[in-house]
Amino acid sequence: MKNRLFLIAIALFSSLIYSQSSLNDYEMAIIPSKFEFQKEDNQYRINSTIKAFLKQKGFEAYVSTDVLPEGFLDYNCNKVFVNVIEDNTMFSTRIKIEFKDCRQVVLFTTDLGESREKEFAKAYNQSLLLTLKSFDKAKYKFSGKTYYDDEAQEKLKSRDVESVSNEVTKVIKSETGVTYEKVTKNDKPVTNEIFVKAKNQATQQELVLYKTTRSAIYLCNKDGKSGVVFAKNEVWFFEYLDNGKLVSEKLDIKF
C-alpha cells in the first residue's frame, strides 16, 4: 500500500515538474508590436490581425503596445508568446506563426502560408490568412488551467521564499472583464502555503516539502532526486526510485 502510494506521489511530483505544456492550457496571449522582419509597428496590419483572430478563437490577446491590464505582465508563464517567422523565396512571400510558452518551448506552429503576389501588402496579408487557416489543426479549447500555484513554484525555485505568499498575482474574471489582483499575506494566510520548510538535523540541510492532500505526506526534491517524505512510527523517511529500485532514507527533520 505504501509502495503504491509512493509511486502515485512520484508520478504526481514528476508531472508537476516535467509535464509538457499544451496550447490548451493558456487563455492569454501577447503579440509583439513589431516582428523581426517588419520595419515598423503593425506593418501590413499583421499584428492587429493576429490579435483579432486569437480573440475570435477565445484568447485574451494583446499587442505589446496596447494598454495592458494592471498586473498582466507580473507573471509571464500563464500566457503564450506569439511570433511570426518569415521564410520568403525569390518569387514568394511565406510566413508561419509560432506559439511559445515562457520557457521558449514551442507549443504549436501553423503551416506556412504562401503568396506569389508581387505587392508586399497583399502578399503578406494573403500569406497570413492562409497560415491562420491551419490554426484549426491545434484544436484549441482552453482547459481552464490556473497558474496561481505555478507562480508560487517559480518564486520558490528562485529561492524568493518570502515573496511566495505576498507577491502572487491572482486573475479574477467577471462579467465586466478580467482584473489582476496582488495577493498579500492578509489575503492568503501563511497556513495556505503550498510548502513547509524543514531542516535535516543530521546534515543541517534545509528541505522544502510540498504539501499533498495527506497531512503527513510531502513531496520533495532532495539532492536531485524526486520522492516523498512521510512519517512512520514518528520516524521520518525520504523514499525515491533509483534505477527502478525503491530507496528509503531515514531523516532527522525538524519543522
C-alpha atoms as a PDB file:
ATOM      1  CA  MET A   1       0.000   0.000   0.000  1.00  0.00           C
ATOM      2  CA  LYS A   2       2.797   2.391   0.938  1.00  0.00           C
ATOM      3  CA  ASN A   3       4.728   1.462  -2.204  1.00  0.00           C
ATOM      4  CA  ARG A   4       1.657   2.180  -4.294  1.00  0.00           C
ATOM      5  CA  LEU A   5       1.134   5.484  -2.521  1.00  0.00           C
ATOM      6  CA  PHE A   6       4.783   6.328  -3.090  1.00  0.00           C
ATOM      7  CA  LEU A   7       4.628   5.572  -6.812  1.00  0.00           C
ATOM      8  CA  ILE A   8       1.489   7.665  -7.188  1.00  0.00           C
ATOM      9  CA  ALA A   9       3.181  10.546  -5.357  1.00  0.00           C
ATOM     10  CA  ILE A  10       6.303  10.215  -7.514  1.00  0.00           C
ATOM     11  CA  ALA A  11       4.223  10.294 -10.687  1.00  0.00           C
ATOM     12  CA  LEU A  12       2.339  13.316  -9.377  1.00  0.00           C
ATOM     13  CA  PHE A  13       5.515  15.153  -8.454  1.00  0.00           C
ATOM     14  CA  SER A  14       7.235  14.367 -11.737  1.00  0.00           C
ATOM     15  CA  SER A  15       4.215  15.534 -13.709  1.00  0.00           C
ATOM     16  CA  LEU A  16       4.183  18.814 -11.807  1.00  0.00           C
ATOM     17  CA  ILE A  17       7.829  19.476 -12.644  1.00  0.00           C
ATOM     18  CA  TYR A  18       8.336  17.935 -16.060  1.00  0.00           C
ATOM     19  CA  SER A  19       4.942  17.835 -17.753  1.00  0.00           C
ATOM     20  CA  GLN A  20       4.819  19.435 -21.153  1.00  0.00           C
ATOM     21  CA  SER A  21       2.569  22.384 -21.663  1.00  0.00           C
ATOM     22  CA  SER A  22      -0.250  22.369 -24.180  1.00  0.00           C
ATOM     23  CA  LEU A  23      -1.659  25.336 -26.061  1.00  0.00           C
ATOM     24  CA  ASN A  24      -4.988  24.444 -24.446  1.00  0.00           C
ATOM     25  CA  ASP A  25      -3.515  25.359 -21.044  1.00  0.00           C
ATOM     26  CA  TYR A  26      -3.377  29.053 -21.975  1.00  0.00           C
ATOM     27  CA  GLU A  27      -6.062  31.667 -22.384  1.00  0.00           C
ATOM     28  CA  MET A  28      -3.844  34.757 -22.592  1.00  0.00           C
ATOM     29  CA  ALA A  29      -1.582  35.696 -25.493  1.00  0.00           C
ATOM     30  CA  ILE A  30       0.888  38.523 -26.065  1.00  0.00           C
ATOM     31  CA  ILE A  31       1.848  39.622 -29.582  1.00  0.00           C
ATOM     32  CA  PRO A  32       4.889  41.849 -30.304  1.00  0.00           C
ATOM     33  CA  SER A  33       4.071  45.187 -31.906  1.00  0.00           C
ATOM     34  CA  LYS A  34       6.827  44.524 -34.458  1.00  0.00           C
ATOM     35  CA  PHE A  35       8.146  41.170 -35.640  1.00  0.00           C
ATOM     36  CA  GLU A  36      11.764  40.754 -36.681  1.00  0.00           C
ATOM     37  CA  PHE A  37      11.078  41.120 -40.399  1.00  0.00           C
ATOM     38  CA  GLN A  38       8.881  44.225 -40.016  1.00  0.00           C
ATOM     39  CA  LYS A  39      10.243  47.737 -40.441  1.00  0.00           C
ATOM     40  CA  GLU A  40       7.531  49.414 -38.330  1.00  0.00           C
ATOM     41  CA  ASP A  41       4.873  48.551 -35.766  1.00  0.00           C
ATOM     42  CA  ASN A  42       1.967  46.564 -37.152  1.00  0.00           C
ATOM     43  CA  GLN A  43       3.306  46.744 -40.694  1.00  0.00           C
ATOM     44  CA  TYR A  44       0.748  45.405 -43.190  1.00  0.00           C
ATOM     45  CA  ARG A  45      -1.626  45.111 -40.162  1.00  0.00           C
ATOM     46  CA  ILE A  46      -0.210  41.662 -39.420  1.00  0.00           C
ATOM     47  CA  ASN A  47      -0.052  42.126 -35.640  1.00  0.00           C
ATOM     48  CA  SER A  48      -3.541  43.555 -35.209  1.00  0.00           C
ATOM     49  CA  THR A  49      -4.992  40.870 -37.498  1.00  0.00           C
ATOM     50  CA  ILE A  50      -3.451  38.100 -35.390  1.00  0.00           C
ATOM     51  CA  LYS A  51      -4.806  39.759 -32.248  1.00  0.00           C
ATOM     52  CA  ALA A  52      -8.334  39.912 -33.685  1.00  0.00           C
ATOM     53  CA  PHE A  53      -8.086  36.301 -34.867  1.00  0.00           C
ATOM     54  CA  LEU A  54      -6.962  34.996 -31.456  1.00  0.00           C
ATOM     55  CA  LYS A  55      -9.698  36.937 -29.670  1.00  0.00           C
ATOM     56  CA  GLN A  56     -12.195  35.307 -32.014  1.00  0.00           C
ATOM     57  CA  LYS A  57     -10.752  31.909 -31.027  1.00  0.00           C
ATOM     58  CA  GLY A  58     -11.265  32.666 -27.330  1.00  0.00           C
ATOM     59  CA  PHE A  59      -7.915  34.096 -26.270  1.00  0.00           C
ATOM     60  CA  GLU A  60      -7.483  37.204 -24.174  1.00  0.00           C
ATOM     61  CA  ALA A  61      -4.977  38.689 -26.640  1.00  0.00           C
ATOM     62  CA  TYR A  62      -2.930  41.874 -26.547  1.00  0.00           C
ATOM     63  CA  VAL A  63      -0.319  43.545 -28.725  1.00  0.00           C
ATOM     64  CA  SER A  64       2.655  44.666 -26.618  1.00  0.00           C
ATOM     65  CA  THR A  65       1.918  48.346 -27.318  1.00  0.00           C
ATOM     66  CA  ASP A  66      -1.686  48.053 -26.077  1.00  0.00           C
ATOM     67  CA  VAL A  67      -2.679  49.500 -22.718  1.00  0.00           C
ATOM     68  CA  LEU A  68      -2.293  46.300 -20.718  1.00  0.00           C
ATOM     69  CA  PRO A  69      -4.396  45.493 -17.645  1.00  0.00           C
ATOM     70  CA  GLU A  70      -2.651  46.193 -14.353  1.00  0.00           C
ATOM     71  CA  GLY A  71      -0.660  43.150 -13.291  1.00  0.00           C
ATOM     72  CA  PHE A  72      -0.799  41.476 -16.724  1.00  0.00           C
ATOM     73  CA  LEU A  73       2.985  41.289 -17.031  1.00  0.00           C
ATOM     74  CA  ASP A  74       3.730  40.494 -13.380  1.00  0.00           C
ATOM     75  CA  TYR A  75       3.911  36.815 -14.271  1.00  0.00           C
ATOM     76  CA  ASN A  76       4.500  35.563 -17.810  1.00  0.00           C
ATOM     77  CA  CYS A  77       4.150  31.794 -17.520  1.00  0.00           C
ATOM     78  CA  ASN A  78       0.353  31.996 -17.701  1.00  0.00           C
ATOM     79  CA  LYS A  79       0.372  33.248 -21.293  1.00  0.00           C
ATOM     80  CA  VAL A  80       1.614  32.286 -24.760  1.00  0.00           C
ATOM     81  CA  PHE A  81       4.027  34.389 -26.793  1.00  0.00           C
ATOM     82  CA  VAL A  82       3.241  34.758 -30.469  1.00  0.00           C
ATOM     83  CA  ASN A  83       5.907  35.060 -33.139  1.00  0.00           C
ATOM     84  CA  VAL A  84       5.651  35.279 -36.920  1.00  0.00           C
ATOM     85  CA  ILE A  85       8.506  33.701 -38.869  1.00  0.00           C
ATOM     86  CA  GLU A  86       9.273  34.792 -42.428  1.00  0.00           C
ATOM     87  CA  ASP A  87      10.614  32.224 -44.902  1.00  0.00           C
ATOM     88  CA  ASN A  88      10.466  34.075 -48.205  1.00  0.00           C
ATOM     89  CA  THR A  89      11.850  32.878 -51.515  1.00  0.00           C
ATOM     90  CA  MET A  90      12.766  34.912 -54.575  1.00  0.00           C
ATOM     91  CA  PHE A  91       9.258  34.589 -56.001  1.00  0.00           C
ATOM     92  CA  SER A  92       7.012  34.093 -52.983  1.00  0.00           C
ATOM     93  CA  THR A  93       6.158  35.502 -49.578  1.00  0.00           C
ATOM     94  CA  ARG A  94       5.911  32.789 -46.929  1.00  0.00           C
ATOM     95  CA  ILE A  95       5.167  33.129 -43.208  1.00  0.00           C
ATOM     96  CA  LYS A  96       4.110  30.928 -40.309  1.00  0.00           C
ATOM     97  CA  ILE A  97       3.053  31.610 -36.724  1.00  0.00           C
ATOM     98  CA  GLU A  98       4.738  30.114 -33.683  1.00  0.00           C
ATOM     99  CA  PHE A  99       3.254  29.892 -30.182  1.00  0.00           C
ATOM    100  CA  LYS A 100       5.716  29.515 -27.297  1.00  0.00           C
ATOM    101  CA  ASP A 101       5.462  29.356 -23.525  1.00  0.00           C
ATOM    102  CA  CYS A 102       7.579  31.427 -21.128  1.00  0.00           C
ATOM    103  CA  ARG A 103      10.389  28.835 -21.298  1.00  0.00           C
ATOM    104  CA  GLN A 104      10.603  29.158 -25.092  1.00  0.00           C
ATOM    105  CA  VAL A 105       9.016  25.746 -25.630  1.00  0.00           C
ATOM    106  CA  VAL A 106       7.110  25.681 -28.931  1.00  0.00           C
ATOM    107  CA  LEU A 107       3.500  24.701 -28.236  1.00  0.00           C
ATOM    108  CA  PHE A 108       2.175  24.934 -31.769  1.00  0.00           C
ATOM    109  CA  THR A 109       3.278  26.133 -35.208  1.00  0.00           C
ATOM    110  CA  THR A 110       0.918  26.852 -38.082  1.00  0.00           C
ATOM    111  CA  ASP A 111       1.565  25.703 -41.634  1.00  0.00           C
ATOM    112  CA  LEU A 112       3.421  28.019 -43.981  1.00  0.00           C
ATOM    113  CA  GLY A 113       1.149  30.463 -45.747  1.00  0.00           C
ATOM    114  CA  GLU A 114       2.453  31.344 -49.195  1.00  0.00           C
ATOM    115  CA  SER A 115       1.619  34.047 -51.722  1.00  0.00           C
ATOM    116  CA  ARG A 116       3.139  34.902 -55.097  1.00  0.00           C
ATOM    117  CA  GLU A 117       1.511  38.327 -55.148  1.00  0.00           C
ATOM    118  CA  LYS A 118       4.083  40.999 -56.122  1.00  0.00           C
ATOM    119  CA  GLU A 119       2.663  43.817 -53.990  1.00  0.00           C
ATOM    120  CA  PHE A 120       4.039  43.369 -50.468  1.00  0.00           C
ATOM    121  CA  ALA A 121       0.931  44.400 -48.535  1.00  0.00           C
ATOM    122  CA  LYS A 122      -1.276  41.987 -50.466  1.00  0.00           C
ATOM    123  CA  ALA A 123       1.347  39.216 -50.349  1.00  0.00           C
ATOM    124  CA  TYR A 124       1.744  39.362 -46.578  1.00  0.00           C
ATOM    125  CA  ASN A 125      -1.984  39.511 -45.955  1.00  0.00           C
ATOM    126  CA  GLN A 126      -2.679  36.581 -48.269  1.00  0.00           C
ATOM    127  CA  SER A 127       0.054  34.544 -46.592  1.00  0.00           C
ATOM    128  CA  LEU A 128      -1.246  35.491 -43.156  1.00  0.00           C
ATOM    129  CA  LEU A 129      -4.806  34.424 -43.937  1.00  0.00           C
ATOM    130  CA  LEU A 130      -3.563  31.101 -45.284  1.00  0.00           C
ATOM    131  CA  THR A 131      -1.373  30.349 -42.280  1.00  0.00           C
ATOM    132  CA  LEU A 132      -4.171  31.329 -39.880  1.00  0.00           C
ATOM    133  CA  LYS A 133      -6.459  28.778 -41.531  1.00  0.00           C
ATOM    134  CA  SER A 134      -4.172  25.994 -40.343  1.00  0.00           C
ATOM    135  CA  PHE A 135      -4.612  27.085 -36.707  1.00  0.00           C
ATOM    136  CA  ASP A 136      -7.654  24.801 -36.579  1.00  0.00           C
ATOM    137  CA  LYS A 137      -5.210  21.865 -36.517  1.00  0.00           C
ATOM    138  CA  ALA A 138      -4.376  22.862 -32.929  1.00  0.00           C
ATOM    139  CA  LYS A 139      -7.967  22.025 -31.926  1.00  0.00           C
ATOM    140  CA  TYR A 140      -7.678  24.800 -29.374  1.00  0.00           C
ATOM    141  CA  LYS A 141     -10.014  24.738 -26.410  1.00  0.00           C
ATOM    142  CA  PHE A 142      -8.994  26.333 -23.124  1.00  0.00           C
ATOM    143  CA  SER A 143      -8.605  23.683 -20.432  1.00  0.00           C
ATOM    144  CA  GLY A 144      -9.389  26.067 -17.572  1.00  0.00           C
ATOM    145  CA  LYS A 145      -5.935  25.633 -16.031  1.00  0.00           C
ATOM    146  CA  THR A 146      -4.955  28.165 -13.362  1.00  0.00           C
ATOM    147  CA  TYR A 147      -1.407  29.312 -12.660  1.00  0.00           C
ATOM    148  CA  TYR A 148      -1.614  30.545  -9.076  1.00  0.00           C
ATOM    149  CA  ASP A 149       0.449  27.653  -7.665  1.00  0.00           C
ATOM    150  CA  ASP A 150       2.804  27.659 -10.658  1.00  0.00           C
ATOM    151  CA  GLU A 151       3.712  31.266  -9.929  1.00  0.00           C
ATOM    152  CA  ALA A 152       4.452  30.349  -6.337  1.00  0.00           C
ATOM    153  CA  GLN A 153       6.614  27.452  -7.547  1.00  0.00           C
ATOM    154  CA  GLU A 154       8.626  29.809  -9.764  1.00  0.00           C
ATOM    155  CA  LYS A 155       9.354  32.056  -6.812  1.00  0.00           C
ATOM    156  CA  LEU A 156      10.408  29.034  -4.755  1.00  0.00           C
ATOM    157  CA  LYS A 157      12.843  27.953  -7.471  1.00  0.00           C
ATOM    158  CA  SER A 158      14.478  31.376  -7.347  1.00  0.00           C
ATOM    159  CA  ARG A 159      14.665  30.980  -3.551  1.00  0.00           C
ATOM    160  CA  ASP A 160      12.462  34.046  -3.160  1.00  0.00           C
ATOM    161  CA  VAL A 161      10.560  32.215  -0.437  1.00  0.00           C
ATOM    162  CA  GLU A 162       9.415  35.310   1.462  1.00  0.00           C
ATOM    163  CA  SER A 163       7.502  36.617  -1.544  1.00  0.00           C
ATOM    164  CA  VAL A 164       5.598  33.420  -2.291  1.00  0.00           C
ATOM    165  CA  SER A 165       2.545  34.380  -0.271  1.00  0.00           C
ATOM    166  CA  ASN A 166       2.588  38.140  -0.776  1.00  0.00           C
ATOM    167  CA  GLU A 167       3.660  38.749  -4.387  1.00  0.00           C
ATOM    168  CA  VAL A 168       1.439  36.401  -6.344  1.00  0.00           C
ATOM    169  CA  THR A 169      -0.989  37.876  -8.864  1.00  0.00           C
ATOM    170  CA  LYS A 170      -4.476  36.385  -8.885  1.00  0.00           C
ATOM    171  CA  VAL A 171      -6.539  36.529 -12.091  1.00  0.00           C
ATOM    172  CA  ILE A 172     -10.172  37.350 -11.360  1.00  0.00           C
ATOM    173  CA  LYS A 173     -12.794  37.010 -14.090  1.00  0.00           C
ATOM    174  CA  SER A 174     -16.246  38.503 -14.008  1.00  0.00           C
ATOM    175  CA  GLU A 175     -18.959  39.590 -16.397  1.00  0.00           C
ATOM    176  CA  THR A 176     -17.382  43.041 -16.586  1.00  0.00           C
ATOM    177  CA  GLY A 177     -13.933  41.766 -17.595  1.00  0.00           C
ATOM    178  CA  VAL A 178     -10.650  40.491 -16.182  1.00  0.00           C
ATOM    179  CA  THR A 179      -8.708  42.038 -13.320  1.00  0.00           C
ATOM    180  CA  TYR A 180      -5.350  41.166 -11.773  1.00  0.00           C
ATOM    181  CA  GLU A 181      -5.062  41.381  -8.032  1.00  0.00           C
ATOM    182  CA  LYS A 182      -1.953  41.181  -5.847  1.00  0.00           C
ATOM    183  CA  VAL A 183      -2.455  38.558  -3.161  1.00  0.00           C
ATOM    184  CA  THR A 184      -0.912  39.521   0.168  1.00  0.00           C
ATOM    185  CA  LYS A 185      -0.420  37.521   3.345  1.00  0.00           C
ATOM    186  CA  ASN A 186      -3.631  39.063   4.667  1.00  0.00           C
ATOM    187  CA  ASP A 187      -5.489  37.821   1.600  1.00  0.00           C
ATOM    188  CA  LYS A 188      -3.911  34.371   1.660  1.00  0.00           C
ATOM    189  CA  PRO A 189      -2.856  33.196   5.117  1.00  0.00           C
ATOM    190  CA  VAL A 190       0.527  31.543   5.523  1.00  0.00           C
ATOM    191  CA  THR A 191      -1.255  28.344   6.544  1.00  0.00           C
ATOM    192  CA  ASN A 192      -2.455  28.040   2.952  1.00  0.00           C
ATOM    193  CA  GLU A 193       1.056  27.984   1.514  1.00  0.00           C
ATOM    194  CA  ILE A 194       1.798  25.015  -0.706  1.00  0.00           C
ATOM    195  CA  PHE A 195       5.009  24.100   1.112  1.00  0.00           C
ATOM    196  CA  VAL A 196       6.638  23.846   4.515  1.00  0.00           C
ATOM    197  CA  LYS A 197      10.316  24.148   5.371  1.00  0.00           C
ATOM    198  CA  ALA A 198      12.212  21.635   7.461  1.00  0.00           C
ATOM    199  CA  LYS A 199      15.849  21.026   8.417  1.00  0.00           C
ATOM    200  CA  ASN A 200      17.582  17.678   8.452  1.00  0.00           C
ATOM    201  CA  GLN A 201      19.304  17.847  11.835  1.00  0.00           C
ATOM    202  CA  ALA A 202      21.902  15.256  10.849  1.00  0.00           C
ATOM    203  CA  THR A 203      23.214  17.222   7.850  1.00  0.00           C
ATOM    204  CA  GLN A 204      21.784  20.698   8.553  1.00  0.00           C
ATOM    205  CA  GLN A 205      20.279  20.520   5.069  1.00  0.00           C
ATOM    206  CA  GLU A 206      17.213  22.677   4.545  1.00  0.00           C
ATOM    207  CA  LEU A 207      14.347  20.923   2.783  1.00  0.00           C
ATOM    208  CA  VAL A 208      11.316  22.392   1.053  1.00  0.00           C
ATOM    209  CA  LEU A 209       8.425  19.958   1.439  1.00  0.00           C
ATOM    210  CA  TYR A 210       5.422  20.368  -0.854  1.00  0.00           C
ATOM    211  CA  LYS A 211       2.064  19.590   0.723  1.00  0.00           C
ATOM    212  CA  THR A 212      -0.230  16.857  -0.571  1.00  0.00           C
ATOM    213  CA  THR A 213      -3.826  16.078   0.309  1.00  0.00           C
ATOM    214  CA  ARG A 214      -2.487  13.893   3.137  1.00  0.00           C
ATOM    215  CA  SER A 215      -1.271  15.890   6.142  1.00  0.00           C
ATOM    216  CA  ALA A 216       1.705  13.618   6.931  1.00  0.00           C
ATOM    217  CA  ILE A 217       2.924  13.083   3.359  1.00  0.00           C
ATOM    218  CA  TYR A 218       5.045  15.594   1.453  1.00  0.00           C
ATOM    219  CA  LEU A 219       6.655  15.721  -1.981  1.00  0.00           C
ATOM    220  CA  CYS A 220      10.318  16.687  -2.021  1.00  0.00           C
ATOM    221  CA  ASN A 221      13.299  17.110  -4.328  1.00  0.00           C
ATOM    222  CA  LYS A 222      16.468  16.240  -2.401  1.00  0.00           C
ATOM    223  CA  ASP A 223      19.944  16.041  -3.907  1.00  0.00           C
ATOM    224  CA  GLY A 224      18.412  15.943  -7.375  1.00  0.00           C
ATOM    225  CA  LYS A 225      16.087  13.068  -6.531  1.00  0.00           C
ATOM    226  CA  SER A 226      12.295  13.438  -6.544  1.00  0.00           C
ATOM    227  CA  GLY A 227      10.493  11.477  -3.861  1.00  0.00           C
ATOM    228  CA  VAL A 228       8.097  11.501  -0.966  1.00  0.00           C
ATOM    229  CA  VAL A 229       8.705  12.367   2.702  1.00  0.00           C
ATOM    230  CA  PHE A 230       6.462  10.696   5.282  1.00  0.00           C
ATOM    231  CA  ALA A 231       6.416   9.665   8.937  1.00  0.00           C
ATOM    232  CA  LYS A 232       6.311   6.043  10.046  1.00  0.00           C
ATOM    233  CA  ASN A 233       6.048   5.396  13.803  1.00  0.00           C
ATOM    234  CA  GLU A 234       7.118   9.008  14.391  1.00  0.00           C
ATOM    235  CA  VAL A 235      10.274   8.488  12.296  1.00  0.00           C
ATOM    236  CA  TRP A 236      10.588  10.430   9.036  1.00  0.00           C
ATOM    237  CA  PHE A 237      11.764   8.852   5.779  1.00  0.00           C
ATOM    238  CA  PHE A 238      12.596  10.097   2.287  1.00  0.00           C
ATOM    239  CA  GLU A 239      11.768   7.472  -0.329  1.00  0.00           C
ATOM    240  CA  TYR A 240      12.615   7.635  -4.027  1.00  0.00           C
ATOM    241  CA  LEU A 241      13.251   5.394  -7.024  1.00  0.00           C
ATOM    242  CA  ASP A 242      16.861   4.732  -8.039  1.00  0.00           C
ATOM    243  CA  ASN A 243      17.255   2.722 -11.258  1.00  0.00           C
ATOM    244  CA  GLY A 244      13.850   1.198 -10.671  1.00  0.00           C
ATOM    245  CA  LYS A 245      14.577   0.253  -7.052  1.00  0.00           C
ATOM    246  CA  LEU A 246      12.850   1.780  -4.056  1.00  0.00           C
ATOM    247  CA  VAL A 247      15.322   3.514  -1.718  1.00  0.00           C
ATOM    248  CA  SER A 248      14.304   4.541   1.812  1.00  0.00           C
ATOM    249  CA  GLU A 249      16.451   7.149   3.567  1.00  0.00           C
ATOM    250  CA  LYS A 250      15.891   7.997   7.224  1.00  0.00           C
ATOM    251  CA  LEU A 251      15.619  11.710   8.059  1.00  0.00           C
ATOM    252  CA  ASP A 252      16.058  13.520  11.331  1.00  0.00           C
ATOM    253  CA  ILE A 253      13.977  16.562  10.473  1.00  0.00           C
ATOM    254  CA  LYS A 254      12.652  19.452  12.470  1.00  0.00           C
ATOM    255  CA  PHE A 255       9.940  21.809  11.207  1.00  0.00           C
END
